[in-house]
Amino acid sequence: MTTAEIDEYLAGLPDPKRSTLEEVRRRIHALVPSAEEGISYAVPVFRVEGDPIAGFAAFSRHLAYLPHSGSVIRSLGPLVDGYTHTAGSLHFPVDEPLPVELLRALLTAKAELLGRPEVVLG
């Protein structure tokens, strides 16, 4: 896996999608500095010791955060109120990055499922 793959994915997006996902990417790395980047199923993924901890994707009318788990979003209850979501995808506007506290909660929930809660900072 390489960061160049995500760079290429983002380069193919128009603004504001690109700049919003670039900010989400920075925030994920700030919270999980050990995460490795790559592409899985044609979308960016962040892995810890080979296990996916987060991902994101751009769609025509929204962006999506992908926790690579069907239980993470459901476990956050009111923290995800106001966002459209499925079991495996949290949708957010193309011009508004997910708040750091919500990202921290999403990443922490997934890290706990992986048995590695210590990988998420703060």
PDB file of N, CA and C in Angstrom:
ATOM      1  N   MET A   1       0.840  -1.182   0.000  1.00  0.00           N
ATOM      2  CA  MET A   1       0.000   0.000   0.000  1.00  0.00           C
ATOM      3  C   MET A   1       0.882   1.241   0.000  1.00  0.00           C
ATOM      4  N   THR A   2       0.406   2.255  -0.694  1.00  0.00           N
ATOM      5  CA  THR A   2       1.196   3.476  -0.740  1.00  0.00           C
ATOM      6  C   THR A   2       0.311   4.709  -0.624  1.00  0.00           C
ATOM      7  N   THR A   3       0.902   5.779  -0.139  1.00  0.00           N
ATOM      8  CA  THR A   3       0.172   7.047  -0.071  1.00  0.00           C
ATOM      9  C   THR A   3      -0.100   7.580  -1.469  1.00  0.00           C
ATOM     10  N   ALA A   4       0.727   7.198  -2.441  1.00  0.00           N
ATOM     11  CA  ALA A   4       0.534   7.659  -3.815  1.00  0.00           C
ATOM     12  C   ALA A   4      -0.819   7.227  -4.362  1.00  0.00           C
ATOM     13  N   GLU A   5      -1.314   6.083  -3.927  1.00  0.00           N
ATOM     14  CA  GLU A   5      -2.623   5.624  -4.393  1.00  0.00           C
ATOM     15  C   GLU A   5      -3.736   6.568  -3.948  1.00  0.00           C
ATOM     16  N   ILE A   6      -3.671   7.019  -2.711  1.00  0.00           N
ATOM     17  CA  ILE A   6      -4.691   7.953  -2.230  1.00  0.00           C
ATOM     18  C   ILE A   6      -4.474   9.325  -2.868  1.00  0.00           C
ATOM     19  N   ASP A   7      -3.220   9.719  -3.054  1.00  0.00           N
ATOM     20  CA  ASP A   7      -2.944  10.979  -3.750  1.00  0.00           C
ATOM     21  C   ASP A   7      -3.605  10.971  -5.128  1.00  0.00           C
ATOM     22  N   GLU A   8      -3.478   9.868  -5.838  1.00  0.00           N
ATOM     23  CA  GLU A   8      -4.053   9.745  -7.174  1.00  0.00           C
ATOM     24  C   GLU A   8      -5.580   9.786  -7.121  1.00  0.00           C
ATOM     25  N   TYR A   9      -6.160   9.087  -6.150  1.00  0.00           N
ATOM     26  CA  TYR A   9      -7.617   9.097  -5.979  1.00  0.00           C
ATOM     27  C   TYR A   9      -8.108  10.525  -5.758  1.00  0.00           C
ATOM     28  N   LEU A  10      -7.470  11.234  -4.848  1.00  0.00           N
ATOM     29  CA  LEU A  10      -7.886  12.601  -4.529  1.00  0.00           C
ATOM     30  C   LEU A  10      -7.662  13.556  -5.705  1.00  0.00           C
ATOM     31  N   ALA A  11      -6.582  13.357  -6.437  1.00  0.00           N
ATOM     32  CA  ALA A  11      -6.284  14.233  -7.577  1.00  0.00           C
ATOM     33  C   ALA A  11      -7.377  14.159  -8.638  1.00  0.00           C
ATOM     34  N   GLY A  12      -8.079  13.051  -8.706  1.00  0.00           N
ATOM     35  CA  GLY A  12      -9.142  12.890  -9.687  1.00  0.00           C
ATOM     36  C   GLY A  12     -10.469  13.499  -9.285  1.00  0.00           C
ATOM     37  N   LEU A  13     -10.532  14.104  -8.112  1.00  0.00           N
ATOM     38  CA  LEU A  13     -11.783  14.685  -7.628  1.00  0.00           C
ATOM     39  C   LEU A  13     -11.792  16.201  -7.799  1.00  0.00           C
ATOM     40  N   PRO A  14     -12.960  16.767  -8.106  1.00  0.00           N
ATOM     41  CA  PRO A  14     -13.055  18.225  -8.145  1.00  0.00           C
ATOM     42  C   PRO A  14     -13.182  18.769  -6.727  1.00  0.00           C
ATOM     43  N   ASP A  15     -12.838  20.039  -6.578  1.00  0.00           N
ATOM     44  CA  ASP A  15     -13.114  20.713  -5.310  1.00  0.00           C
ATOM     45  C   ASP A  15     -14.600  21.030  -5.251  1.00  0.00           C
ATOM     46  N   PRO A  16     -15.222  21.015  -4.114  1.00  0.00           N
ATOM     47  CA  PRO A  16     -14.647  20.923  -2.779  1.00  0.00           C
ATOM     48  C   PRO A  16     -14.458  19.490  -2.276  1.00  0.00           C
ATOM     49  N   LYS A  17     -14.857  18.487  -3.063  1.00  0.00           N
ATOM     50  CA  LYS A  17     -14.701  17.098  -2.594  1.00  0.00           C
ATOM     51  C   LYS A  17     -13.250  16.802  -2.235  1.00  0.00           C
ATOM     52  N   ARG A  18     -12.335  17.185  -3.130  1.00  0.00           N
ATOM     53  CA  ARG A  18     -10.922  16.891  -2.904  1.00  0.00           C
ATOM     54  C   ARG A  18     -10.419  17.538  -1.618  1.00  0.00           C
ATOM     55  N   SER A  19     -10.644  18.820  -1.456  1.00  0.00           N
ATOM     56  CA  SER A  19     -10.108  19.509  -0.280  1.00  0.00           C
ATOM     57  C   SER A  19     -10.762  19.008   1.010  1.00  0.00           C
ATOM     58  N   THR A  20     -12.031  18.655   0.956  1.00  0.00           N
ATOM     59  CA  THR A  20     -12.707  18.128   2.149  1.00  0.00           C
ATOM     60  C   THR A  20     -12.115  16.775   2.536  1.00  0.00           C
ATOM     61  N   LEU A  21     -11.914  15.895   1.558  1.00  0.00           N
ATOM     62  CA  LEU A  21     -11.331  14.583   1.872  1.00  0.00           C
ATOM     63  C   LEU A  21      -9.855  14.698   2.250  1.00  0.00           C
ATOM     64  N   GLU A  22      -9.145  15.665   1.702  1.00  0.00           N
ATOM     65  CA  GLU A  22      -7.761  15.879   2.133  1.00  0.00           C
ATOM     66  C   GLU A  22      -7.719  16.247   3.614  1.00  0.00           C
ATOM     67  N   GLU A  23      -8.675  17.051   4.059  1.00  0.00           N
ATOM     68  CA  GLU A  23      -8.731  17.418   5.475  1.00  0.00           C
ATOM     69  C   GLU A  23      -9.104  16.212   6.336  1.00  0.00           C
ATOM     70  N   VAL A  24     -10.040  15.407   5.883  1.00  0.00           N
ATOM     71  CA  VAL A  24     -10.391  14.177   6.618  1.00  0.00           C
ATOM     72  C   VAL A  24      -9.166  13.278   6.718  1.00  0.00           C
ATOM     73  N   ARG A  25      -8.426  13.167   5.639  1.00  0.00           N
ATOM     74  CA  ARG A  25      -7.191  12.361   5.629  1.00  0.00           C
ATOM     75  C   ARG A  25      -6.204  12.870   6.674  1.00  0.00           C
ATOM     76  N   ARG A  26      -5.989  14.191   6.717  1.00  0.00           N
ATOM     77  CA  ARG A  26      -5.070  14.773   7.712  1.00  0.00           C
ATOM     78  C   ARG A  26      -5.551  14.480   9.132  1.00  0.00           C
ATOM     79  N   ARG A  27      -6.841  14.613   9.342  1.00  0.00           N
ATOM     80  CA  ARG A  27      -7.394  14.363  10.671  1.00  0.00           C
ATOM     81  C   ARG A  27      -7.255  12.903  11.082  1.00  0.00           C
ATOM     82  N   ILE A  28      -7.468  11.993  10.155  1.00  0.00           N
ATOM     83  CA  ILE A  28      -7.286  10.563  10.469  1.00  0.00           C
ATOM     84  C   ILE A  28      -5.837  10.315  10.873  1.00  0.00           C
ATOM     85  N   HIS A  29      -4.895  10.864  10.111  1.00  0.00           N
ATOM     86  CA  HIS A  29      -3.475  10.655  10.449  1.00  0.00           C
ATOM     87  C   HIS A  29      -3.087  11.303  11.768  1.00  0.00           C
ATOM     88  N   ALA A  30      -3.694  12.425  12.089  1.00  0.00           N
ATOM     89  CA  ALA A  30      -3.400  13.060  13.375  1.00  0.00           C
ATOM     90  C   ALA A  30      -3.883  12.192  14.534  1.00  0.00           C
ATOM     91  N   LEU A  31      -4.987  11.492  14.319  1.00  0.00           N
ATOM     92  CA  LEU A  31      -5.557  10.640  15.369  1.00  0.00           C
ATOM     93  C   LEU A  31      -4.951   9.244  15.402  1.00  0.00           C
ATOM     94  N   VAL A  32      -4.544   8.741  14.236  1.00  0.00           N
ATOM     95  CA  VAL A  32      -3.956   7.391  14.144  1.00  0.00           C
ATOM     96  C   VAL A  32      -2.685   7.495  13.294  1.00  0.00           C
ATOM     97  N   PRO A  33      -1.615   8.035  13.881  1.00  0.00           N
ATOM     98  CA  PRO A  33      -0.395   8.250  13.104  1.00  0.00           C
ATOM     99  C   PRO A  33       0.240   6.963  12.565  1.00  0.00           C
ATOM    100  N   SER A  34      -0.070   5.835  13.163  1.00  0.00           N
ATOM    101  CA  SER A  34       0.501   4.574  12.688  1.00  0.00           C
ATOM    102  C   SER A  34      -0.249   3.987  11.498  1.00  0.00           C
ATOM    103  N   ALA A  35      -1.351   4.609  11.096  1.00  0.00           N
ATOM    104  CA  ALA A  35      -2.150   4.073   9.991  1.00  0.00           C
ATOM    105  C   ALA A  35      -1.379   4.113   8.680  1.00  0.00           C
ATOM    106  N   GLU A  36      -1.467   3.028   7.936  1.00  0.00           N
ATOM    107  CA  GLU A  36      -0.894   2.943   6.596  1.00  0.00           C
ATOM    108  C   GLU A  36      -2.006   3.170   5.594  1.00  0.00           C
ATOM    109  N   GLU A  37      -1.670   3.813   4.484  1.00  0.00           N
ATOM    110  CA  GLU A  37      -2.664   4.153   3.478  1.00  0.00           C
ATOM    111  C   GLU A  37      -2.595   3.224   2.273  1.00  0.00           C
ATOM    112  N   GLY A  38      -3.735   3.115   1.608  1.00  0.00           N
ATOM    113  CA  GLY A  38      -3.791   2.377   0.368  1.00  0.00           C
ATOM    114  C   GLY A  38      -5.178   2.459  -0.228  1.00  0.00           C
ATOM    115  N   ILE A  39      -5.416   1.641  -1.216  1.00  0.00           N
ATOM    116  CA  ILE A  39      -6.719   1.565  -1.877  1.00  0.00           C
ATOM    117  C   ILE A  39      -7.237   0.147  -1.709  1.00  0.00           C
ATOM    118  N   SER A  40      -8.513   0.044  -1.364  1.00  0.00           N
ATOM    119  CA  SER A  40      -9.179  -1.254  -1.270  1.00  0.00           C
ATOM    120  C   SER A  40     -10.576  -1.090  -1.844  1.00  0.00           C
ATOM    121  N   TYR A  41     -10.956  -1.973  -2.719  1.00  0.00           N
ATOM    122  CA  TYR A  41     -12.255  -1.867  -3.384  1.00  0.00           C
ATOM    123  C   TYR A  41     -12.425  -0.500  -4.053  1.00  0.00           C
ATOM    124  N   ALA A  42     -11.341   0.011  -4.620  1.00  0.00           N
ATOM    125  CA  ALA A  42     -11.303   1.248  -5.397  1.00  0.00           C
ATOM    126  C   ALA A  42     -11.488   2.525  -4.570  1.00  0.00           C
ATOM    127  N   VAL A  43     -11.394   2.438  -3.240  1.00  0.00           N
ATOM    128  CA  VAL A  43     -11.491   3.636  -2.399  1.00  0.00           C
ATOM    129  C   VAL A  43     -10.350   3.645  -1.374  1.00  0.00           C
ATOM    130  N   PRO A  44      -9.993   4.837  -0.887  1.00  0.00           N
ATOM    131  CA  PRO A  44      -8.928   4.938   0.106  1.00  0.00           C
ATOM    132  C   PRO A  44      -9.266   4.195   1.401  1.00  0.00           C
ATOM    133  N   VAL A  45      -8.243   3.559   1.942  1.00  0.00           N
ATOM    134  CA  VAL A  45      -8.378   2.826   3.206  1.00  0.00           C
ATOM    135  C   VAL A  45      -7.149   3.115   4.064  1.00  0.00           C
ATOM    136  N   PHE A  46      -7.370   3.106   5.368  1.00  0.00           N
ATOM    137  CA  PHE A  46      -6.301   3.281   6.351  1.00  0.00           C
ATOM    138  C   PHE A  46      -6.259   1.990   7.158  1.00  0.00           C
ATOM    139  N   ARG A  47      -5.071   1.418   7.292  1.00  0.00           N
ATOM    140  CA  ARG A  47      -4.920   0.137   7.990  1.00  0.00           C
ATOM    141  C   ARG A  47      -3.964   0.268   9.166  1.00  0.00           C
ATOM    142  N   VAL A  48      -4.230  -0.532  10.187  1.00  0.00           N
ATOM    143  CA  VAL A  48      -3.337  -0.659  11.334  1.00  0.00           C
ATOM    144  C   VAL A  48      -2.962  -2.123  11.423  1.00  0.00           C
ATOM    145  N   GLU A  49      -1.677  -2.382  11.285  1.00  0.00           N
ATOM    146  CA  GLU A  49      -1.171  -3.764  11.301  1.00  0.00           C
ATOM    147  C   GLU A  49      -1.963  -4.646  10.350  1.00  0.00           C
ATOM    148  N   GLY A  50      -2.290  -4.106   9.169  1.00  0.00           N
ATOM    149  CA  GLY A  50      -2.974  -4.853   8.132  1.00  0.00           C
ATOM    150  C   GLY A  50      -4.491  -4.834   8.190  1.00  0.00           C
ATOM    151  N   ASP A  51      -5.053  -4.410   9.307  1.00  0.00           N
ATOM    152  CA  ASP A  51      -6.509  -4.376   9.455  1.00  0.00           C
ATOM    153  C   ASP A  51      -7.058  -2.998   9.098  1.00  0.00           C
ATOM    154  N   PRO A  52      -8.122  -2.943   8.289  1.00  0.00           N
ATOM    155  CA  PRO A  52      -8.707  -1.636   7.967  1.00  0.00           C
ATOM    156  C   PRO A  52      -9.342  -1.003   9.198  1.00  0.00           C
ATOM    157  N   ILE A  53      -9.018   0.269   9.408  1.00  0.00           N
ATOM    158  CA  ILE A  53      -9.582   1.002  10.541  1.00  0.00           C
ATOM    159  C   ILE A  53     -10.511   2.113  10.055  1.00  0.00           C
ATOM    160  N   ALA A  54     -10.312   2.583   8.816  1.00  0.00           N
ATOM    161  CA  ALA A  54     -11.144   3.655   8.270  1.00  0.00           C
ATOM    162  C   ALA A  54     -10.972   3.717   6.766  1.00  0.00           C
ATOM    163  N   GLY A  55     -11.927   4.359   6.151  1.00  0.00           N
ATOM    164  CA  GLY A  55     -11.847   4.624   4.720  1.00  0.00           C
ATOM    165  C   GLY A  55     -12.767   5.778   4.386  1.00  0.00           C
ATOM    166  N   PHE A  56     -12.650   6.264   3.166  1.00  0.00           N
ATOM    167  CA  PHE A  56     -13.576   7.285   2.715  1.00  0.00           C
ATOM    168  C   PHE A  56     -13.767   7.167   1.222  1.00  0.00           C
ATOM    169  N   ALA A  57     -14.828   7.795   0.735  1.00  0.00           N
ATOM    170  CA  ALA A  57     -15.129   7.743  -0.690  1.00  0.00           C
ATOM    171  C   ALA A  57     -15.927   8.975  -1.085  1.00  0.00           C
ATOM    172  N   ALA A  58     -15.817   9.331  -2.364  1.00  0.00           N
ATOM    173  CA  ALA A  58     -16.582  10.441  -2.915  1.00  0.00           C
ATOM    174  C   ALA A  58     -17.659   9.894  -3.838  1.00  0.00           C
ATOM    175  N   PHE A  59     -18.846  10.458  -3.704  1.00  0.00           N
ATOM    176  CA  PHE A  59     -19.970  10.100  -4.558  1.00  0.00           C
ATOM    177  C   PHE A  59     -20.509  11.375  -5.193  1.00  0.00           C
ATOM    178  N   SER A  60     -21.478  11.262  -6.053  1.00  0.00           N
ATOM    179  CA  SER A  60     -21.934  12.433  -6.801  1.00  0.00           C
ATOM    180  C   SER A  60     -22.454  13.552  -5.904  1.00  0.00           C
ATOM    181  N   ARG A  61     -23.185  13.229  -4.841  1.00  0.00           N
ATOM    182  CA  ARG A  61     -23.792  14.274  -4.024  1.00  0.00           C
ATOM    183  C   ARG A  61     -23.339  14.289  -2.568  1.00  0.00           C
ATOM    184  N   HIS A  62     -22.462  13.388  -2.201  1.00  0.00           N
ATOM    185  CA  HIS A  62     -21.996  13.352  -0.814  1.00  0.00           C
ATOM    186  C   HIS A  62     -20.644  12.651  -0.742  1.00  0.00           C
ATOM    187  N   LEU A  63     -20.054  12.731   0.437  1.00  0.00           N
ATOM    188  CA  LEU A  63     -18.846  11.983   0.758  1.00  0.00           C
ATOM    189  C   LEU A  63     -19.230  10.937   1.791  1.00  0.00           C
ATOM    190  N   ALA A  64     -18.419   9.919   1.930  1.00  0.00           N
ATOM    191  CA  ALA A  64     -18.742   8.865   2.896  1.00  0.00           C
ATOM    192  C   ALA A  64     -17.505   8.474   3.691  1.00  0.00           C
ATOM    193  N   TYR A  65     -17.715   8.272   4.975  1.00  0.00           N
ATOM    194  CA  TYR A  65     -16.716   7.701   5.866  1.00  0.00           C
ATOM    195  C   TYR A  65     -17.068   6.226   5.984  1.00  0.00           C
ATOM    196  N   LEU A  66     -16.073   5.367   5.847  1.00  0.00           N
ATOM    197  CA  LEU A  66     -16.288   3.920   5.860  1.00  0.00           C
ATOM    198  C   LEU A  66     -15.508   3.292   7.012  1.00  0.00           C
ATOM    199  N   PRO A  67     -16.192   2.828   8.051  1.00  0.00           N
ATOM    200  CA  PRO A  67     -15.491   2.258   9.195  1.00  0.00           C
ATOM    201  C   PRO A  67     -15.068   0.799   9.002  1.00  0.00           C
ATOM    202  N   HIS A  68     -15.444   0.198   7.884  1.00  0.00           N
ATOM    203  CA  HIS A  68     -15.136  -1.206   7.611  1.00  0.00           C
ATOM    204  C   HIS A  68     -15.668  -2.114   8.718  1.00  0.00           C
ATOM    205  N   SER A  69     -16.872  -1.791   9.155  1.00  0.00           N
ATOM    206  CA  SER A  69     -17.573  -2.574  10.175  1.00  0.00           C
ATOM    207  C   SER A  69     -19.043  -2.177  10.138  1.00  0.00           C
ATOM    208  N   GLY A  70     -19.901  -3.153  10.329  1.00  0.00           N
ATOM    209  CA  GLY A  70     -21.318  -2.869  10.370  1.00  0.00           C
ATOM    210  C   GLY A  70     -21.825  -2.408  11.722  1.00  0.00           C
ATOM    211  N   SER A  71     -20.963  -2.402  12.736  1.00  0.00           N
ATOM    212  CA  SER A  71     -21.431  -2.046  14.079  1.00  0.00           C
ATOM    213  C   SER A  71     -20.906  -0.705  14.599  1.00  0.00           C
ATOM    214  N   VAL A  72     -19.885  -0.161  13.990  1.00  0.00           N
ATOM    215  CA  VAL A  72     -19.258   1.062  14.503  1.00  0.00           C
ATOM    216  C   VAL A  72     -20.227   2.242  14.513  1.00  0.00           C
ATOM    217  N   ILE A  73     -20.835   2.544  13.398  1.00  0.00           N
ATOM    218  CA  ILE A  73     -21.716   3.707  13.315  1.00  0.00           C
ATOM    219  C   ILE A  73     -22.896   3.546  14.264  1.00  0.00           C
ATOM    220  N   ARG A  74     -23.482   2.375  14.272  1.00  0.00           N
ATOM    221  CA  ARG A  74     -24.621   2.090  15.154  1.00  0.00           C
ATOM    222  C   ARG A  74     -24.252   2.282  16.619  1.00  0.00           C
ATOM    223  N   SER A  75     -23.011   1.998  16.980  1.00  0.00           N
ATOM    224  CA  SER A  75     -22.587   2.094  18.378  1.00  0.00           C
ATOM    225  C   SER A  75     -22.450   3.534  18.869  1.00  0.00           C
ATOM    226  N   LEU A  76     -22.433   4.502  17.969  1.00  0.00           N
ATOM    227  CA  LEU A  76     -22.209   5.896  18.354  1.00  0.00           C
ATOM    228  C   LEU A  76     -23.487   6.653  18.689  1.00  0.00           C
ATOM    229  N   GLY A  77     -24.620   6.048  18.478  1.00  0.00           N
ATOM    230  CA  GLY A  77     -25.892   6.646  18.874  1.00  0.00           C
ATOM    231  C   GLY A  77     -26.043   8.088  18.458  1.00  0.00           C
ATOM    232  N   PRO A  78     -26.278   8.985  19.438  1.00  0.00           N
ATOM    233  CA  PRO A  78     -26.569  10.386  19.117  1.00  0.00           C
ATOM    234  C   PRO A  78     -25.415  11.149  18.468  1.00  0.00           C
ATOM    235  N   LEU A  79     -24.200  10.629  18.538  1.00  0.00           N
ATOM    236  CA  LEU A  79     -23.073  11.320  17.891  1.00  0.00           C
ATOM    237  C   LEU A  79     -23.250  11.410  16.377  1.00  0.00           C
ATOM    238  N   VAL A  80     -24.014  10.489  15.804  1.00  0.00           N
ATOM    239  CA  VAL A  80     -24.208  10.497  14.351  1.00  0.00           C
ATOM    240  C   VAL A  80     -25.569  11.069  13.954  1.00  0.00           C
ATOM    241  N   ASP A  81     -26.320  11.585  14.939  1.00  0.00           N
ATOM    242  CA  ASP A  81     -27.584  12.252  14.618  1.00  0.00           C
ATOM    243  C   ASP A  81     -27.288  13.420  13.681  1.00  0.00           C
ATOM    244  N   GLY A  82     -28.120  13.595  12.706  1.00  0.00           N
ATOM    245  CA  GLY A  82     -27.922  14.666  11.740  1.00  0.00           C
ATOM    246  C   GLY A  82     -27.170  14.217  10.504  1.00  0.00           C
ATOM    247  N   TYR A  83     -26.625  13.003  10.525  1.00  0.00           N
ATOM    248  CA  TYR A  83     -25.934  12.444   9.365  1.00  0.00           C
ATOM    249  C   TYR A  83     -26.771  11.304   8.797  1.00  0.00           C
ATOM    250  N   THR A  84     -26.815  11.215   7.495  1.00  0.00           N
ATOM    251  CA  THR A  84     -27.410  10.055   6.847  1.00  0.00           C
ATOM    252  C   THR A  84     -26.385   8.931   6.931  1.00  0.00           C
ATOM    253  N   HIS A  85     -26.849   7.720   7.179  1.00  0.00           N
ATOM    254  CA  HIS A  85     -25.892   6.612   7.244  1.00  0.00           C
ATOM    255  C   HIS A  85     -26.570   5.284   6.988  1.00  0.00           C
ATOM    256  N   THR A  86     -25.743   4.317   6.663  1.00  0.00           N
ATOM    257  CA  THR A  86     -26.128   2.917   6.601  1.00  0.00           C
ATOM    258  C   THR A  86     -25.301   2.231   7.680  1.00  0.00           C
ATOM    259  N   ALA A  87     -25.396   0.938   7.783  1.00  0.00           N
ATOM    260  CA  ALA A  87     -24.585   0.231   8.782  1.00  0.00           C
ATOM    261  C   ALA A  87     -23.090   0.414   8.521  1.00  0.00           C
ATOM    262  N   GLY A  88     -22.703   0.548   7.263  1.00  0.00           N
ATOM    263  CA  GLY A  88     -21.281   0.611   6.948  1.00  0.00           C
ATOM    264  C   GLY A  88     -20.803   1.885   6.291  1.00  0.00           C
ATOM    265  N   SER A  89     -21.602   2.961   6.335  1.00  0.00           N
ATOM    266  CA  SER A  89     -21.227   4.185   5.641  1.00  0.00           C
ATOM    267  C   SER A  89     -21.896   5.384   6.293  1.00  0.00           C
ATOM    268  N   LEU A  90     -21.083   6.374   6.653  1.00  0.00           N
ATOM    269  CA  LEU A  90     -21.590   7.617   7.231  1.00  0.00           C
ATOM    270  C   LEU A  90     -21.430   8.706   6.177  1.00  0.00           C
ATOM    271  N   HIS A  91     -22.532   9.310   5.755  1.00  0.00           N
ATOM    272  CA  HIS A  91     -22.501  10.293   4.679  1.00  0.00           C
ATOM    273  C   HIS A  91     -22.369  11.705   5.243  1.00  0.00           C
ATOM    274  N   PHE A  92     -21.569  12.519   4.559  1.00  0.00           N
ATOM    275  CA  PHE A  92     -21.390  13.902   4.984  1.00  0.00           C
ATOM    276  C   PHE A  92     -21.247  14.804   3.768  1.00  0.00           C
ATOM    277  N   PRO A  93     -21.511  16.098   3.934  1.00  0.00           N
ATOM    278  CA  PRO A  93     -21.510  17.029   2.798  1.00  0.00           C
ATOM    279  C   PRO A  93     -20.138  17.147   2.140  1.00  0.00           C
ATOM    280  N   VAL A  94     -20.153  17.481   0.853  1.00  0.00           N
ATOM    281  CA  VAL A  94     -18.912  17.571   0.085  1.00  0.00           C
ATOM    282  C   VAL A  94     -18.025  18.730   0.513  1.00  0.00           C
ATOM    283  N   ASP A  95     -18.572  19.654   1.282  1.00  0.00           N
ATOM    284  CA  ASP A  95     -17.784  20.825   1.673  1.00  0.00           C
ATOM    285  C   ASP A  95     -17.612  20.968   3.184  1.00  0.00           C
ATOM    286  N   GLU A  96     -17.860  19.887   3.927  1.00  0.00           N
ATOM    287  CA  GLU A  96     -17.717  19.932   5.387  1.00  0.00           C
ATOM    288  C   GLU A  96     -17.028  18.673   5.901  1.00  0.00           C
ATOM    289  N   PRO A  97     -15.749  18.760   6.256  1.00  0.00           N
ATOM    290  CA  PRO A  97     -15.079  17.578   6.804  1.00  0.00           C
ATOM    291  C   PRO A  97     -15.745  17.130   8.108  1.00  0.00           C
ATOM    292  N   LEU A  98     -15.671  15.865   8.383  1.00  0.00           N
ATOM    293  CA  LEU A  98     -16.204  15.368   9.654  1.00  0.00           C
ATOM    294  C   LEU A  98     -15.456  16.024  10.809  1.00  0.00           C
ATOM    295  N   PRO A  99     -16.173  16.408  11.858  1.00  0.00           N
ATOM    296  CA  PRO A  99     -15.515  17.007  13.018  1.00  0.00           C
ATOM    297  C   PRO A  99     -14.515  16.037  13.661  1.00  0.00           C
ATOM    298  N   VAL A 100     -13.458  16.591  14.213  1.00  0.00           N
ATOM    299  CA  VAL A 100     -12.404  15.784  14.834  1.00  0.00           C
ATOM    300  C   VAL A 100     -12.975  14.877  15.919  1.00  0.00           C
ATOM    301  N   GLU A 101     -13.872  15.398  16.751  1.00  0.00           N
ATOM    302  CA  GLU A 101     -14.421  14.576  17.838  1.00  0.00           C
ATOM    303  C   GLU A 101     -15.222  13.391  17.312  1.00  0.00           C
ATOM    304  N   LEU A 102     -15.954  13.585  16.218  1.00  0.00           N
ATOM    305  CA  LEU A 102     -16.690  12.465  15.620  1.00  0.00           C
ATOM    306  C   LEU A 102     -15.722  11.462  15.011  1.00  0.00           C
ATOM    307  N   LEU A 103     -14.703  11.951  14.321  1.00  0.00           N
ATOM    308  CA  LEU A 103     -13.692  11.035  13.782  1.00  0.00           C
ATOM    309  C   LEU A 103     -13.018  10.246  14.898  1.00  0.00           C
ATOM    310  N   ARG A 104     -12.692  10.917  15.993  1.00  0.00           N
ATOM    311  CA  ARG A 104     -12.062  10.235  17.120  1.00  0.00           C
ATOM    312  C   ARG A 104     -12.980   9.116  17.636  1.00  0.00           C
ATOM    313  N   ALA A 105     -14.267   9.398  17.753  1.00  0.00           N
ATOM    314  CA  ALA A 105     -15.218   8.393  18.232  1.00  0.00           C
ATOM    315  C   ALA A 105     -15.324   7.223  17.254  1.00  0.00           C
ATOM    316  N   LEU A 106     -15.385   7.521  15.959  1.00  0.00           N
ATOM    317  CA  LEU A 106     -15.455   6.461  14.941  1.00  0.00           C
ATOM    318  C   LEU A 106     -14.200   5.591  14.971  1.00  0.00           C
ATOM    319  N   LEU A 107     -13.050   6.236  15.009  1.00  0.00           N
ATOM    320  CA  LEU A 107     -11.780   5.509  15.006  1.00  0.00           C
ATOM    321  C   LEU A 107     -11.589   4.718  16.296  1.00  0.00           C
ATOM    322  N   THR A 108     -11.975   5.292  17.416  1.00  0.00           N
ATOM    323  CA  THR A 108     -11.855   4.589  18.695  1.00  0.00           C
ATOM    324  C   THR A 108     -12.740   3.356  18.729  1.00  0.00           C
ATOM    325  N   ALA A 109     -13.974   3.498  18.245  1.00  0.00           N
ATOM    326  CA  ALA A 109     -14.886   2.350  18.221  1.00  0.00           C
ATOM    327  C   ALA A 109     -14.315   1.222  17.364  1.00  0.00           C
ATOM    328  N   LYS A 110     -13.760   1.556  16.217  1.00  0.00           N
ATOM    329  CA  LYS A 110     -13.181   0.512  15.354  1.00  0.00           C
ATOM    330  C   LYS A 110     -11.912  -0.062  15.973  1.00  0.00           C
ATOM    331  N   ALA A 111     -11.068   0.791  16.541  1.00  0.00           N
ATOM    332  CA  ALA A 111      -9.839   0.304  17.174  1.00  0.00           C
ATOM    333  C   ALA A 111     -10.160  -0.655  18.314  1.00  0.00           C
ATOM    334  N   GLU A 112     -11.201  -0.365  19.069  1.00  0.00           N
ATOM    335  CA  GLU A 112     -11.611  -1.271  20.147  1.00  0.00           C
ATOM    336  C   GLU A 112     -12.069  -2.612  19.589  1.00  0.00           C
ATOM    337  N   LEU A 113     -12.788  -2.591  18.471  1.00  0.00           N
ATOM    338  CA  LEU A 113     -13.197  -3.851  17.831  1.00  0.00           C
ATOM    339  C   LEU A 113     -11.981  -4.671  17.399  1.00  0.00           C
ATOM    340  N   LEU A 114     -10.938  -3.971  16.989  1.00  0.00           N
ATOM    341  CA  LEU A 114      -9.705  -4.645  16.559  1.00  0.00           C
ATOM    342  C   LEU A 114      -8.840  -5.069  17.735  1.00  0.00           C
ATOM    343  N   GLY A 115      -9.214  -4.652  18.938  1.00  0.00           N
ATOM    344  CA  GLY A 115      -8.395  -4.957  20.111  1.00  0.00           C
ATOM    345  C   GLY A 115      -7.158  -4.091  20.207  1.00  0.00           C
ATOM    346  N   ARG A 116      -7.197  -2.907  19.571  1.00  0.00           N
ATOM    347  CA  ARG A 116      -6.053  -2.011  19.578  1.00  0.00           C
ATOM    348  C   ARG A 116      -6.467  -0.582  19.917  1.00  0.00           C
ATOM    349  N   PRO A 117      -7.123  -0.369  21.043  1.00  0.00           N
ATOM    350  CA  PRO A 117      -7.607   0.981  21.370  1.00  0.00           C
ATOM    351  C   PRO A 117      -6.477   2.006  21.514  1.00  0.00           C
ATOM    352  N   GLU A 118      -5.290   1.553  21.780  1.00  0.00           N
ATOM    353  CA  GLU A 118      -4.162   2.466  22.006  1.00  0.00           C
ATOM    354  C   GLU A 118      -3.693   3.179  20.736  1.00  0.00           C
ATOM    355  N   VAL A 119      -4.130   2.738  19.553  1.00  0.00           N
ATOM    356  CA  VAL A 119      -3.646   3.362  18.309  1.00  0.00           C
ATOM    357  C   VAL A 119      -4.270   4.716  18.047  1.00  0.00           C
ATOM    358  N   VAL A 120      -5.398   5.032  18.712  1.00  0.00           N
ATOM    359  CA  VAL A 120      -6.057   6.321  18.502  1.00  0.00           C
ATOM    360  C   VAL A 120      -5.564   7.286  19.575  1.00  0.00           C
ATOM    361  N   LEU A 121      -5.031   8.414  19.136  1.00  0.00           N
ATOM    362  CA  LEU A 121      -4.497   9.411  20.065  1.00  0.00           C
ATOM    363  C   LEU A 121      -5.616  10.267  20.652  1.00  0.00           C
ATOM    364  N   GLY A 122      -5.362  10.734  21.870  1.00  0.00           N
ATOM    365  CA  GLY A 122      -6.194  11.730  22.497  1.00  0.00           C
ATOM    366  C   GLY A 122      -7.479  11.257  23.044  1.00  0.00           C
TER     367      GLY A 122
END
